C-alpha cells in the first residue's frame, strides 16, 4: 500500500475510535453526505487532506450500512472526538471490515496468508 493509502486507512480507524459518540442530537440516522463530510474533515485535519470525496463517501456508506448506532454516526458526522463509544458500537466498529475500507481507498488489502 502507498503511504497515502495507509494514512487514509489509519485516519479511518482514528475517526472510528475517537468519533463514535453522542453527537448532535436526535434527528435519526445521518445521511451518507453528512457522515462523509465528518470523515473528510476529521481525516483532512489529521492527515493533510489525503481523503478524496469519493473515498469519504465510500467509507461513509460502509459505516451507515453497518450496525453503528445513530448516535455514533452522528458523532462521526459532527467530528465529536469526546464521545465515549458504547460496547455495542465498539463491536459494530469491528464489523466494518478492513476489506471495505481498503476498497474505498482504492487498493487491495495486503495478503496475510502464507
N, C-alpha and C. Protein backbone atom coordinates (compact mmCIF):
# COMPACT_ATOMS: atom_id res chain seq x y z
N UNK A 1 0.83 -1.19 0.00
CA UNK A 1 0.00 0.00 0.00
C UNK A 1 0.88 1.25 0.00
N UNK A 2 0.39 2.26 -0.62
CA UNK A 2 1.14 3.51 -0.63
C UNK A 2 1.00 4.21 0.71
N UNK A 3 1.90 5.13 0.95
CA UNK A 3 1.85 5.89 2.20
C UNK A 3 0.53 6.65 2.33
N UNK A 4 0.04 7.20 1.21
CA UNK A 4 -1.22 7.96 1.22
C UNK A 4 -2.38 7.05 1.61
N UNK A 5 -2.41 5.85 1.04
CA UNK A 5 -3.49 4.92 1.34
C UNK A 5 -3.42 4.48 2.79
N UNK A 6 -2.21 4.17 3.26
CA UNK A 6 -2.06 3.79 4.66
C UNK A 6 -2.51 4.91 5.59
N UNK A 7 -2.20 6.15 5.23
CA UNK A 7 -2.64 7.28 6.04
C UNK A 7 -4.16 7.37 6.07
N UNK A 8 -4.79 7.15 4.92
CA UNK A 8 -6.25 7.22 4.85
C UNK A 8 -6.89 6.12 5.69
N UNK A 9 -6.33 4.90 5.61
CA UNK A 9 -6.86 3.80 6.42
C UNK A 9 -6.66 4.09 7.90
N UNK A 10 -5.48 4.58 8.26
CA UNK A 10 -5.22 4.93 9.66
C UNK A 10 -6.17 6.03 10.12
N UNK A 11 -6.41 6.99 9.25
CA UNK A 11 -7.33 8.07 9.60
C UNK A 11 -8.73 7.54 9.82
N UNK A 12 -9.15 6.60 8.98
CA UNK A 12 -10.47 5.99 9.16
C UNK A 12 -10.57 5.32 10.51
N UNK A 13 -9.52 4.63 10.90
CA UNK A 13 -9.51 3.97 12.20
C UNK A 13 -9.58 5.00 13.33
N UNK A 14 -8.86 6.12 13.17
CA UNK A 14 -8.92 7.17 14.19
C UNK A 14 -10.31 7.76 14.30
N UNK A 15 -10.92 8.03 13.16
CA UNK A 15 -12.28 8.57 13.18
C UNK A 15 -13.19 7.61 13.91
N UNK A 16 -13.07 6.34 13.62
CA UNK A 16 -13.91 5.35 14.27
C UNK A 16 -13.64 5.26 15.76
N UNK A 17 -12.39 5.34 16.14
CA UNK A 17 -12.03 5.19 17.54
C UNK A 17 -12.44 6.39 18.37
N UNK A 18 -12.17 7.59 17.84
CA UNK A 18 -12.38 8.79 18.64
C UNK A 18 -13.69 9.50 18.38
N UNK A 19 -14.34 9.23 17.27
CA UNK A 19 -15.55 9.98 16.94
C UNK A 19 -16.75 9.07 16.88
N UNK A 20 -16.90 8.25 17.88
CA UNK A 20 -18.04 7.36 17.91
C UNK A 20 -18.91 7.76 19.07
N UNK A 21 -19.76 8.79 18.90
CA UNK A 21 -20.39 9.25 20.09
C UNK A 21 -21.72 9.92 20.04
N UNK A 22 -22.05 10.50 21.15
CA UNK A 22 -23.34 11.14 21.36
C UNK A 22 -23.39 12.50 20.70
N UNK A 23 -23.29 12.54 19.45
CA UNK A 23 -23.24 13.79 18.72
C UNK A 23 -24.57 14.49 18.70
N UNK A 24 -24.65 15.39 17.79
CA UNK A 24 -25.62 16.43 17.68
C UNK A 24 -27.08 16.12 17.68
N UNK A 25 -27.54 15.21 18.43
CA UNK A 25 -28.93 15.17 18.75
C UNK A 25 -29.87 14.60 17.72
N UNK A 26 -30.84 14.02 18.13
CA UNK A 26 -31.86 13.16 17.69
C UNK A 26 -32.57 13.38 16.38
N UNK A 27 -31.92 13.56 15.26
CA UNK A 27 -32.63 13.62 14.01
C UNK A 27 -32.61 12.31 13.27
N UNK A 28 -32.35 11.21 13.94
CA UNK A 28 -32.26 9.92 13.27
C UNK A 28 -30.88 9.69 12.70
N UNK A 29 -30.81 8.72 11.81
CA UNK A 29 -29.55 8.31 11.21
C UNK A 29 -29.08 9.41 10.25
N UNK A 30 -27.83 9.89 10.41
CA UNK A 30 -27.34 10.92 9.50
C UNK A 30 -27.17 10.38 8.08
N UNK A 31 -27.21 11.28 7.11
CA UNK A 31 -27.06 10.87 5.71
C UNK A 31 -25.62 10.50 5.42
N UNK A 32 -25.43 9.79 4.31
CA UNK A 32 -24.09 9.44 3.84
C UNK A 32 -23.26 10.71 3.64
N UNK A 33 -23.89 11.75 3.08
CA UNK A 33 -23.17 13.00 2.85
C UNK A 33 -22.70 13.64 4.16
N UNK A 34 -23.54 13.61 5.18
CA UNK A 34 -23.15 14.17 6.48
C UNK A 34 -22.00 13.38 7.09
N UNK A 35 -22.08 12.06 7.02
CA UNK A 35 -21.01 11.22 7.56
C UNK A 35 -19.73 11.44 6.77
N UNK A 36 -19.85 11.49 5.44
CA UNK A 36 -18.67 11.71 4.58
C UNK A 36 -17.99 13.03 4.90
N UNK A 37 -18.79 14.07 5.11
CA UNK A 37 -18.22 15.38 5.46
C UNK A 37 -17.45 15.30 6.77
N UNK A 38 -18.02 14.60 7.76
CA UNK A 38 -17.34 14.44 9.04
C UNK A 38 -16.06 13.64 8.91
N UNK A 39 -16.09 12.59 8.11
CA UNK A 39 -14.89 11.78 7.87
C UNK A 39 -13.82 12.63 7.20
N UNK A 40 -14.22 13.33 6.17
CA UNK A 40 -13.25 14.12 5.41
C UNK A 40 -12.67 15.25 6.26
N UNK A 41 -13.50 15.90 7.04
CA UNK A 41 -13.00 16.97 7.91
C UNK A 41 -12.03 16.41 8.94
N UNK A 42 -12.39 15.32 9.58
CA UNK A 42 -11.54 14.72 10.60
C UNK A 42 -10.24 14.18 10.03
N UNK A 43 -10.31 13.51 8.89
CA UNK A 43 -9.12 12.95 8.28
C UNK A 43 -8.26 14.04 7.66
N UNK A 44 -8.90 15.00 7.05
CA UNK A 44 -8.15 16.09 6.43
C UNK A 44 -7.34 16.86 7.46
N UNK A 45 -7.93 17.09 8.63
CA UNK A 45 -7.23 17.80 9.69
C UNK A 45 -6.04 16.99 10.20
N UNK A 46 -6.22 15.69 10.32
CA UNK A 46 -5.18 14.84 10.89
C UNK A 46 -4.13 14.40 9.88
N UNK A 47 -4.51 14.30 8.61
CA UNK A 47 -3.62 13.70 7.63
C UNK A 47 -3.43 14.55 6.39
N UNK A 48 -3.56 15.85 6.51
CA UNK A 48 -3.25 16.74 5.40
C UNK A 48 -4.16 16.62 4.20
N UNK A 49 -5.41 16.25 4.39
CA UNK A 49 -6.37 16.25 3.30
C UNK A 49 -6.21 15.13 2.30
N UNK A 50 -5.69 13.98 2.71
CA UNK A 50 -5.47 12.86 1.80
C UNK A 50 -6.73 12.15 1.36
N UNK A 51 -7.86 12.47 1.93
CA UNK A 51 -9.09 11.74 1.66
C UNK A 51 -9.93 12.49 0.62
N UNK A 52 -10.15 11.82 -0.52
CA UNK A 52 -10.95 12.42 -1.58
C UNK A 52 -12.43 12.33 -1.23
N UNK A 53 -13.24 13.07 -1.97
CA UNK A 53 -14.69 12.99 -1.79
C UNK A 53 -15.19 11.57 -2.01
N UNK A 54 -14.69 10.91 -3.06
CA UNK A 54 -15.13 9.54 -3.36
C UNK A 54 -14.77 8.57 -2.24
N UNK A 55 -13.55 8.69 -1.69
CA UNK A 55 -13.15 7.82 -0.59
C UNK A 55 -14.03 8.05 0.63
N UNK A 56 -14.24 9.31 0.98
CA UNK A 56 -15.05 9.63 2.16
C UNK A 56 -16.48 9.12 1.99
N UNK A 57 -17.05 9.27 0.80
CA UNK A 57 -18.41 8.79 0.54
C UNK A 57 -18.48 7.28 0.65
N UNK A 58 -17.50 6.59 0.10
CA UNK A 58 -17.48 5.13 0.16
C UNK A 58 -17.38 4.64 1.61
N UNK A 59 -16.47 5.25 2.38
CA UNK A 59 -16.32 4.87 3.79
C UNK A 59 -17.61 5.19 4.56
N UNK A 60 -18.21 6.34 4.26
CA UNK A 60 -19.46 6.74 4.93
C UNK A 60 -20.57 5.73 4.65
N UNK A 61 -20.65 5.24 3.41
CA UNK A 61 -21.66 4.22 3.08
C UNK A 61 -21.42 2.95 3.88
N UNK A 62 -20.15 2.54 4.00
CA UNK A 62 -19.84 1.34 4.78
C UNK A 62 -20.24 1.53 6.24
N UNK A 63 -19.97 2.71 6.79
CA UNK A 63 -20.34 2.99 8.17
C UNK A 63 -21.86 3.01 8.33
N UNK A 64 -22.55 3.68 7.41
CA UNK A 64 -24.01 3.81 7.51
C UNK A 64 -24.70 2.45 7.39
N UNK A 65 -24.14 1.58 6.56
CA UNK A 65 -24.70 0.24 6.37
C UNK A 65 -24.34 -0.71 7.50
N UNK A 66 -23.45 -0.28 8.39
CA UNK A 66 -23.02 -1.12 9.50
C UNK A 66 -24.05 -1.06 10.64
N UNK A 67 -23.72 -1.72 11.73
CA UNK A 67 -24.58 -1.71 12.91
C UNK A 67 -24.25 -0.57 13.88
N UNK A 68 -23.42 0.38 13.46
CA UNK A 68 -23.15 1.53 14.32
C UNK A 68 -24.46 2.25 14.64
N UNK A 69 -24.57 2.71 15.87
CA UNK A 69 -25.79 3.40 16.28
C UNK A 69 -25.91 4.75 15.58
N UNK A 70 -27.13 5.28 15.58
CA UNK A 70 -27.36 6.61 15.03
C UNK A 70 -26.50 7.65 15.75
N UNK A 71 -26.38 7.51 17.08
CA UNK A 71 -25.57 8.45 17.86
C UNK A 71 -24.10 8.38 17.44
N UNK A 72 -23.60 7.17 17.21
CA UNK A 72 -22.20 7.02 16.79
C UNK A 72 -21.98 7.66 15.43
N UNK A 73 -22.89 7.41 14.52
CA UNK A 73 -22.77 8.01 13.18
C UNK A 73 -22.88 9.53 13.25
N UNK A 74 -23.75 10.02 14.11
CA UNK A 74 -23.90 11.47 14.26
C UNK A 74 -22.62 12.07 14.81
N UNK A 75 -21.97 11.37 15.74
CA UNK A 75 -20.71 11.86 16.29
C UNK A 75 -19.63 11.92 15.21
N UNK A 76 -19.61 10.93 14.33
CA UNK A 76 -18.66 10.95 13.22
C UNK A 76 -18.97 12.15 12.32
N UNK A 77 -20.25 12.33 12.00
CA UNK A 77 -20.66 13.46 11.16
C UNK A 77 -20.29 14.80 11.80
N UNK A 78 -20.43 14.88 13.12
CA UNK A 78 -20.15 16.12 13.85
C UNK A 78 -18.67 16.29 14.19
N UNK A 79 -17.87 15.23 14.01
CA UNK A 79 -16.46 15.29 14.41
C UNK A 79 -16.31 15.35 15.92
N UNK A 80 -17.24 14.72 16.64
CA UNK A 80 -17.26 14.73 18.10
C UNK A 80 -16.21 13.77 18.64
N UNK A 81 -15.03 14.28 18.93
CA UNK A 81 -13.93 13.43 19.39
C UNK A 81 -14.01 13.11 20.88
N UNK A 82 -14.98 13.66 21.59
CA UNK A 82 -15.11 13.43 23.02
C UNK A 82 -16.09 12.30 23.36
N UNK A 83 -16.73 11.75 22.36
CA UNK A 83 -17.73 10.72 22.60
C UNK A 83 -17.09 9.44 23.12
N UNK A 84 -17.74 8.82 24.08
CA UNK A 84 -17.29 7.56 24.65
C UNK A 84 -18.14 6.45 24.06
N UNK A 85 -17.54 5.65 23.18
CA UNK A 85 -18.28 4.62 22.46
C UNK A 85 -18.84 3.56 23.41
N UNK A 86 -20.05 3.11 23.12
CA UNK A 86 -20.65 2.02 23.89
C UNK A 86 -20.01 0.70 23.45
N UNK A 87 -20.23 -0.32 24.24
CA UNK A 87 -19.71 -1.65 23.89
C UNK A 87 -20.30 -2.10 22.55
N UNK A 88 -21.59 -1.86 22.34
CA UNK A 88 -22.24 -2.26 21.08
C UNK A 88 -21.61 -1.54 19.88
N UNK A 89 -21.32 -0.25 20.03
CA UNK A 89 -20.71 0.49 18.93
C UNK A 89 -19.28 0.03 18.69
N UNK A 90 -18.57 -0.28 19.76
CA UNK A 90 -17.21 -0.80 19.60
C UNK A 90 -17.24 -2.10 18.81
N UNK A 91 -18.19 -2.97 19.14
CA UNK A 91 -18.33 -4.23 18.40
C UNK A 91 -18.77 -3.98 16.97
N UNK A 92 -19.69 -3.05 16.76
CA UNK A 92 -20.15 -2.74 15.41
C UNK A 92 -19.00 -2.18 14.56
N UNK A 93 -18.14 -1.43 15.21
CA UNK A 93 -16.98 -0.86 14.53
C UNK A 93 -16.11 -1.95 13.92
N UNK A 94 -15.95 -3.03 14.66
CA UNK A 94 -15.12 -4.12 14.16
C UNK A 94 -15.79 -4.84 12.99
N UNK A 95 -17.09 -4.66 12.84
CA UNK A 95 -17.79 -5.29 11.72
C UNK A 95 -17.57 -4.55 10.40
N UNK A 96 -17.10 -3.29 10.49
CA UNK A 96 -16.76 -2.56 9.28
C UNK A 96 -15.38 -3.07 8.88
N UNK A 97 -15.37 -3.95 7.91
CA UNK A 97 -14.17 -4.71 7.62
C UNK A 97 -13.07 -3.88 6.99
N UNK A 98 -11.86 -4.30 7.23
CA UNK A 98 -10.70 -3.71 6.58
C UNK A 98 -10.86 -3.77 5.07
N UNK A 99 -11.44 -4.85 4.60
CA UNK A 99 -11.65 -5.01 3.16
C UNK A 99 -12.52 -3.88 2.61
N UNK A 100 -13.58 -3.51 3.33
CA UNK A 100 -14.45 -2.42 2.88
C UNK A 100 -13.69 -1.10 2.82
N UNK A 101 -12.90 -0.82 3.84
CA UNK A 101 -12.17 0.44 3.88
C UNK A 101 -11.10 0.46 2.80
N UNK A 102 -10.36 -0.64 2.63
CA UNK A 102 -9.32 -0.64 1.60
C UNK A 102 -9.92 -0.53 0.21
N UNK A 103 -11.10 -1.10 0.01
CA UNK A 103 -11.80 -0.93 -1.27
C UNK A 103 -12.09 0.55 -1.50
N UNK A 104 -12.50 1.22 -0.46
CA UNK A 104 -12.84 2.64 -0.57
C UNK A 104 -11.64 3.52 -0.90
N UNK A 105 -10.47 3.14 -0.42
CA UNK A 105 -9.28 3.96 -0.69
C UNK A 105 -8.57 3.51 -1.95
N UNK A 106 -9.15 2.53 -2.65
CA UNK A 106 -8.66 2.16 -3.97
C UNK A 106 -7.47 1.25 -4.00
N UNK A 107 -7.35 0.37 -3.05
CA UNK A 107 -6.28 -0.59 -3.06
C UNK A 107 -6.77 -1.88 -2.43
N UNK A 108 -6.09 -2.94 -2.72
CA UNK A 108 -6.44 -4.22 -2.12
C UNK A 108 -5.76 -4.34 -0.75
N UNK A 109 -6.40 -5.06 0.13
CA UNK A 109 -5.80 -5.34 1.42
C UNK A 109 -4.61 -6.28 1.19
N UNK A 110 -3.55 -6.10 1.98
CA UNK A 110 -2.40 -6.99 1.80
C UNK A 110 -2.76 -8.41 2.15
N UNK A 111 -2.21 -9.35 1.41
CA UNK A 111 -2.46 -10.77 1.64
C UNK A 111 -1.65 -11.19 2.84
N UNK A 112 -2.33 -11.63 3.91
CA UNK A 112 -1.62 -12.02 5.12
C UNK A 112 -1.47 -13.51 5.25
N UNK A 113 -2.05 -14.26 4.32
CA UNK A 113 -1.91 -15.71 4.36
C UNK A 113 -0.58 -16.10 3.78
N UNK A 114 0.02 -17.13 4.38
CA UNK A 114 1.31 -17.59 3.89
C UNK A 114 1.25 -19.02 3.44
